[in-house]
Amino acid sequence: MTTPTPTSPGLLLRPRFDAFIEALCAHIAGEGAKRRIAGPLIILIWQRLRRLAARFARLVTTPPRARATRPAGRSGPPHTLPRAFGWLARLIPGTASVAAQFRALLDTPDMAALIAATPEAGRILRPLCHTLGIRPPAPLRRPRRPRRAPPSETPSPEPP
């Protein structure tokens, strides 16, 4: 007799996360057409959401690996989507109803376990929270950075 293997919490979350992304994309398509939002903007939003979904899928299906170092400069094309907190909810009203599904998903014990086990989850979920105007739950929040101490007023040595 074999013992069942424990299922990763992420594998249980992936179908729910994918269903949320699909519902959000469908809502954006319907409301975007009603509000006459430019097609290229809708496509950019879809691409961003689907990239986040693909990153989440990779996170829960592949074992963690060593993080590759990136060059100091910023790579890739410049951001073309807005960056303000909750910009998608302001652009397409009614997104809050779909975002409530995401908030419920964030509050599940399985999601809390995934966030605690993998810091990469925060790098995927925090931008989505920001886009939808959702304050991240406590396990997902970044720790506050300590303030820099003001430069001390030490007199510089005088040249001879």
C-alpha atoms as a PDB file:
ATOM      1  CA  MET A   1       0.000   0.000   0.000  1.00  0.00           C
ATOM      2  CA  THR A   2       1.368   3.408  -0.914  1.00  0.00           C
ATOM      3  CA  THR A   3       0.904   6.574   1.023  1.00  0.00           C
ATOM      4  CA  PRO A   4      -0.553   9.541  -0.823  1.00  0.00           C
ATOM      5  CA  THR A   5       1.857  12.346  -1.551  1.00  0.00           C
ATOM      6  CA  PRO A   6       0.942  15.719  -0.139  1.00  0.00           C
ATOM      7  CA  THR A   7      -0.271  18.135  -2.755  1.00  0.00           C
ATOM      8  CA  SER A   8       1.482  21.450  -3.031  1.00  0.00           C
ATOM      9  CA  PRO A   9      -0.803  24.316  -2.043  1.00  0.00           C
ATOM     10  CA  GLY A  10       0.192  26.119  -5.242  1.00  0.00           C
ATOM     11  CA  LEU A  11      -1.127  23.324  -7.447  1.00  0.00           C
ATOM     12  CA  LEU A  12      -4.536  23.721  -5.849  1.00  0.00           C
ATOM     13  CA  LEU A  13      -4.410  27.501  -6.308  1.00  0.00           C
ATOM     14  CA  ARG A  14      -3.389  27.535  -9.959  1.00  0.00           C
ATOM     15  CA  PRO A  15      -6.836  26.683 -11.436  1.00  0.00           C
ATOM     16  CA  ARG A  16      -8.494  29.322  -9.248  1.00  0.00           C
ATOM     17  CA  PHE A  17      -5.871  31.928 -10.195  1.00  0.00           C
ATOM     18  CA  ASP A  18      -6.215  31.083 -13.895  1.00  0.00           C
ATOM     19  CA  ALA A  19     -10.022  31.304 -13.651  1.00  0.00           C
ATOM     20  CA  PHE A  20      -9.703  34.713 -11.975  1.00  0.00           C
ATOM     21  CA  ILE A  21      -7.385  36.000 -14.735  1.00  0.00           C
ATOM     22  CA  GLU A  22      -9.768  34.709 -17.423  1.00  0.00           C
ATOM     23  CA  ALA A  23     -12.760  36.362 -15.729  1.00  0.00           C
ATOM     24  CA  LEU A  24     -10.836  39.616 -15.391  1.00  0.00           C
ATOM     25  CA  CYS A  25      -9.794  39.554 -19.064  1.00  0.00           C
ATOM     26  CA  ALA A  26     -13.378  38.844 -20.136  1.00  0.00           C
ATOM     27  CA  HIS A  27     -14.647  41.719 -17.999  1.00  0.00           C
ATOM     28  CA  ILE A  28     -11.997  44.060 -19.432  1.00  0.00           C
ATOM     29  CA  ALA A  29     -12.975  43.063 -22.981  1.00  0.00           C
ATOM     30  CA  GLY A  30     -16.685  43.619 -22.398  1.00  0.00           C
ATOM     31  CA  GLU A  31     -16.404  46.869 -20.470  1.00  0.00           C
ATOM     32  CA  GLY A  32     -13.569  48.139 -22.661  1.00  0.00           C
ATOM     33  CA  ALA A  33     -15.747  47.770 -25.753  1.00  0.00           C
ATOM     34  CA  LYS A  34     -18.695  49.517 -24.051  1.00  0.00           C
ATOM     35  CA  ARG A  35     -16.504  52.393 -22.911  1.00  0.00           C
ATOM     36  CA  ARG A  36     -14.690  52.602 -26.251  1.00  0.00           C
ATOM     37  CA  ILE A  37     -11.272  52.079 -24.749  1.00  0.00           C
ATOM     38  CA  ALA A  38      -8.582  51.739 -27.394  1.00  0.00           C
ATOM     39  CA  GLY A  39      -7.994  48.163 -28.514  1.00  0.00           C
ATOM     40  CA  PRO A  40      -4.206  48.342 -28.163  1.00  0.00           C
ATOM     41  CA  LEU A  41      -4.597  49.398 -24.523  1.00  0.00           C
ATOM     42  CA  ILE A  42      -6.875  46.429 -23.835  1.00  0.00           C
ATOM     43  CA  ILE A  43      -4.344  44.125 -25.477  1.00  0.00           C
ATOM     44  CA  LEU A  44      -1.537  45.554 -23.323  1.00  0.00           C
ATOM     45  CA  ILE A  45      -3.624  44.951 -20.192  1.00  0.00           C
ATOM     46  CA  TRP A  46      -4.374  41.376 -21.284  1.00  0.00           C
ATOM     47  CA  GLN A  47      -0.702  40.721 -21.989  1.00  0.00           C
ATOM     48  CA  ARG A  48       0.281  41.986 -18.558  1.00  0.00           C
ATOM     49  CA  LEU A  49      -2.347  39.862 -16.813  1.00  0.00           C
ATOM     50  CA  ARG A  50      -1.478  36.747 -18.787  1.00  0.00           C
ATOM     51  CA  ARG A  51       2.260  37.213 -18.096  1.00  0.00           C
ATOM     52  CA  LEU A  52       1.460  37.346 -14.385  1.00  0.00           C
ATOM     53  CA  ALA A  53      -0.625  34.171 -14.745  1.00  0.00           C
ATOM     54  CA  ALA A  54       2.218  32.416 -16.584  1.00  0.00           C
ATOM     55  CA  ARG A  55       4.705  33.458 -13.889  1.00  0.00           C
ATOM     56  CA  PHE A  56       2.330  32.144 -11.212  1.00  0.00           C
ATOM     57  CA  ALA A  57       1.955  28.848 -13.096  1.00  0.00           C
ATOM     58  CA  ARG A  58       5.749  28.479 -13.336  1.00  0.00           C
ATOM     59  CA  LEU A  59       6.080  29.292  -9.664  1.00  0.00           C
ATOM     60  CA  VAL A  60       3.720  26.548  -8.530  1.00  0.00           C
ATOM     61  CA  THR A  61       4.755  23.854 -11.035  1.00  0.00           C
ATOM     62  CA  THR A  62       8.551  24.091 -11.075  1.00  0.00           C
ATOM     63  CA  PRO A  63      10.951  23.723  -8.165  1.00  0.00           C
ATOM     64  CA  PRO A  64      12.637  26.908  -6.977  1.00  0.00           C
ATOM     65  CA  ARG A  65      15.933  27.699  -8.615  1.00  0.00           C
ATOM     66  CA  ALA A  66      18.767  30.045  -7.953  1.00  0.00           C
ATOM     67  CA  ARG A  67      17.890  33.536  -9.024  1.00  0.00           C
ATOM     68  CA  ALA A  68      19.868  34.843 -11.960  1.00  0.00           C
ATOM     69  CA  THR A  69      21.529  38.172 -11.446  1.00  0.00           C
ATOM     70  CA  ARG A  70      20.497  40.993 -13.712  1.00  0.00           C
ATOM     71  CA  PRO A  71      22.642  43.844 -14.891  1.00  0.00           C
ATOM     72  CA  ALA A  72      22.309  47.033 -12.892  1.00  0.00           C
ATOM     73  CA  GLY A  73      20.535  48.910 -15.704  1.00  0.00           C
ATOM     74  CA  ARG A  74      16.870  48.470 -16.503  1.00  0.00           C
ATOM     75  CA  SER A  75      16.163  46.163 -19.391  1.00  0.00           C
ATOM     76  CA  GLY A  76      13.148  45.808 -21.619  1.00  0.00           C
ATOM     77  CA  PRO A  77      10.762  48.297 -23.131  1.00  0.00           C
ATOM     78  CA  PRO A  78       9.471  51.190 -21.048  1.00  0.00           C
ATOM     79  CA  HIS A  79       6.201  50.761 -19.184  1.00  0.00           C
ATOM     80  CA  THR A  80       3.258  51.811 -21.266  1.00  0.00           C
ATOM     81  CA  LEU A  81       0.495  51.081 -18.753  1.00  0.00           C
ATOM     82  CA  PRO A  82      -0.452  53.461 -15.957  1.00  0.00           C
ATOM     83  CA  ARG A  83       1.211  52.959 -12.569  1.00  0.00           C
ATOM     84  CA  ALA A  84      -1.141  54.635 -10.092  1.00  0.00           C
ATOM     85  CA  PHE A  85      -2.681  52.557  -7.313  1.00  0.00           C
ATOM     86  CA  GLY A  86      -5.947  51.040  -8.540  1.00  0.00           C
ATOM     87  CA  TRP A  87      -5.634  52.388 -12.079  1.00  0.00           C
ATOM     88  CA  LEU A  88      -7.479  49.447 -13.659  1.00  0.00           C
ATOM     89  CA  ALA A  89     -10.465  49.855 -11.341  1.00  0.00           C
ATOM     90  CA  ARG A  90     -10.671  53.536 -12.323  1.00  0.00           C
ATOM     91  CA  LEU A  91     -10.244  52.850 -16.032  1.00  0.00           C
ATOM     92  CA  ILE A  92     -12.830  50.071 -16.114  1.00  0.00           C
ATOM     93  CA  PRO A  93     -15.471  50.416 -13.390  1.00  0.00           C
ATOM     94  CA  GLY A  94     -16.932  47.151 -12.208  1.00  0.00           C
ATOM     95  CA  THR A  95     -13.501  45.578 -11.948  1.00  0.00           C
ATOM     96  CA  ALA A  96     -13.934  45.676  -8.170  1.00  0.00           C
ATOM     97  CA  SER A  97     -16.503  42.885  -8.353  1.00  0.00           C
ATOM     98  CA  VAL A  98     -14.009  40.637 -10.138  1.00  0.00           C
ATOM     99  CA  ALA A  99     -11.218  41.813  -7.839  1.00  0.00           C
ATOM    100  CA  ALA A 100     -13.238  40.563  -4.857  1.00  0.00           C
ATOM    101  CA  GLN A 101     -12.597  37.031  -6.141  1.00  0.00           C
ATOM    102  CA  PHE A 102      -8.881  37.736  -6.070  1.00  0.00           C
ATOM    103  CA  ARG A 103      -9.098  39.143  -2.547  1.00  0.00           C
ATOM    104  CA  ALA A 104     -10.906  35.977  -1.423  1.00  0.00           C
ATOM    105  CA  LEU A 105      -8.152  33.903  -3.058  1.00  0.00           C
ATOM    106  CA  LEU A 106      -5.479  35.916  -1.231  1.00  0.00           C
ATOM    107  CA  ASP A 107      -7.209  35.241   2.089  1.00  0.00           C
ATOM    108  CA  THR A 108      -7.145  31.445   1.743  1.00  0.00           C
ATOM    109  CA  PRO A 109      -4.777  29.449   3.985  1.00  0.00           C
ATOM    110  CA  ASP A 110      -3.245  27.779   0.909  1.00  0.00           C
ATOM    111  CA  MET A 111      -2.269  31.162  -0.537  1.00  0.00           C
ATOM    112  CA  ALA A 112      -0.806  32.266   2.799  1.00  0.00           C
ATOM    113  CA  ALA A 113       1.278  29.063   2.869  1.00  0.00           C
ATOM    114  CA  LEU A 114       2.492  29.659  -0.687  1.00  0.00           C
ATOM    115  CA  ILE A 115       3.417  33.269   0.069  1.00  0.00           C
ATOM    116  CA  ALA A 116       5.297  32.211   3.212  1.00  0.00           C
ATOM    117  CA  ALA A 117       7.150  29.449   1.360  1.00  0.00           C
ATOM    118  CA  THR A 118       8.143  31.412  -1.751  1.00  0.00           C
ATOM    119  CA  PRO A 119       9.095  35.087  -1.764  1.00  0.00           C
ATOM    120  CA  GLU A 120       8.711  35.081  -5.557  1.00  0.00           C
ATOM    121  CA  ALA A 121       4.945  34.891  -5.033  1.00  0.00           C
ATOM    122  CA  GLY A 122       5.021  38.429  -3.674  1.00  0.00           C
ATOM    123  CA  ARG A 123       6.742  39.689  -6.809  1.00  0.00           C
ATOM    124  CA  ILE A 124       3.842  38.282  -8.821  1.00  0.00           C
ATOM    125  CA  LEU A 125       0.882  39.096  -6.581  1.00  0.00           C
ATOM    126  CA  ARG A 126       1.822  42.569  -5.272  1.00  0.00           C
ATOM    127  CA  PRO A 127       1.702  44.250  -8.713  1.00  0.00           C
ATOM    128  CA  LEU A 128      -1.698  42.684  -9.341  1.00  0.00           C
ATOM    129  CA  CYS A 129      -2.959  43.996  -5.990  1.00  0.00           C
ATOM    130  CA  HIS A 130      -1.612  47.450  -6.880  1.00  0.00           C
ATOM    131  CA  THR A 131      -3.273  47.395 -10.304  1.00  0.00           C
ATOM    132  CA  LEU A 132      -6.655  46.402  -8.872  1.00  0.00           C
ATOM    133  CA  GLY A 133      -6.494  48.786  -5.909  1.00  0.00           C
ATOM    134  CA  ILE A 134      -6.350  46.032  -3.272  1.00  0.00           C
ATOM    135  CA  ARG A 135      -4.252  46.520  -0.162  1.00  0.00           C
ATOM    136  CA  PRO A 136      -2.104  43.371   0.077  1.00  0.00           C
ATOM    137  CA  PRO A 137      -2.720  41.086   3.061  1.00  0.00           C
ATOM    138  CA  ALA A 138      -0.112  41.107   5.826  1.00  0.00           C
ATOM    139  CA  PRO A 139       1.969  38.142   4.575  1.00  0.00           C
ATOM    140  CA  LEU A 140       2.266  39.792   1.179  1.00  0.00           C
ATOM    141  CA  ARG A 141       3.316  43.247   2.343  1.00  0.00           C
ATOM    142  CA  ARG A 142       6.903  44.316   2.016  1.00  0.00           C
ATOM    143  CA  PRO A 143       8.686  45.261   5.202  1.00  0.00           C
ATOM    144  CA  ARG A 144       9.122  48.987   5.605  1.00  0.00           C
ATOM    145  CA  ARG A 145      12.540  50.271   4.725  1.00  0.00           C
ATOM    146  CA  PRO A 146      14.359  51.954   7.553  1.00  0.00           C
ATOM    147  CA  ARG A 147      14.821  55.661   7.090  1.00  0.00           C
ATOM    148  CA  ARG A 148      18.252  56.840   6.203  1.00  0.00           C
ATOM    149  CA  ALA A 149      20.006  58.722   8.917  1.00  0.00           C
ATOM    150  CA  PRO A 150      20.677  62.347   8.026  1.00  0.00           C
ATOM    151  CA  PRO A 151      24.313  63.049   7.226  1.00  0.00           C
ATOM    152  CA  SER A 152      26.211  63.951  10.341  1.00  0.00           C
ATOM    153  CA  GLU A 153      27.610  67.437  10.678  1.00  0.00           C
ATOM    154  CA  THR A 154      31.253  66.500  11.097  1.00  0.00           C
ATOM    155  CA  PRO A 155      33.691  69.182  10.127  1.00  0.00           C
ATOM    156  CA  SER A 156      35.921  68.205   7.254  1.00  0.00           C
ATOM    157  CA  PRO A 157      39.630  68.409   7.920  1.00  0.00           C
ATOM    158  CA  GLU A 158      41.164  71.614   6.678  1.00  0.00           C
ATOM    159  CA  PRO A 159      43.901  71.310   4.070  1.00  0.00           C
ATOM    160  CA  PRO A 160      47.362  72.311   5.293  1.00  0.00           C
END
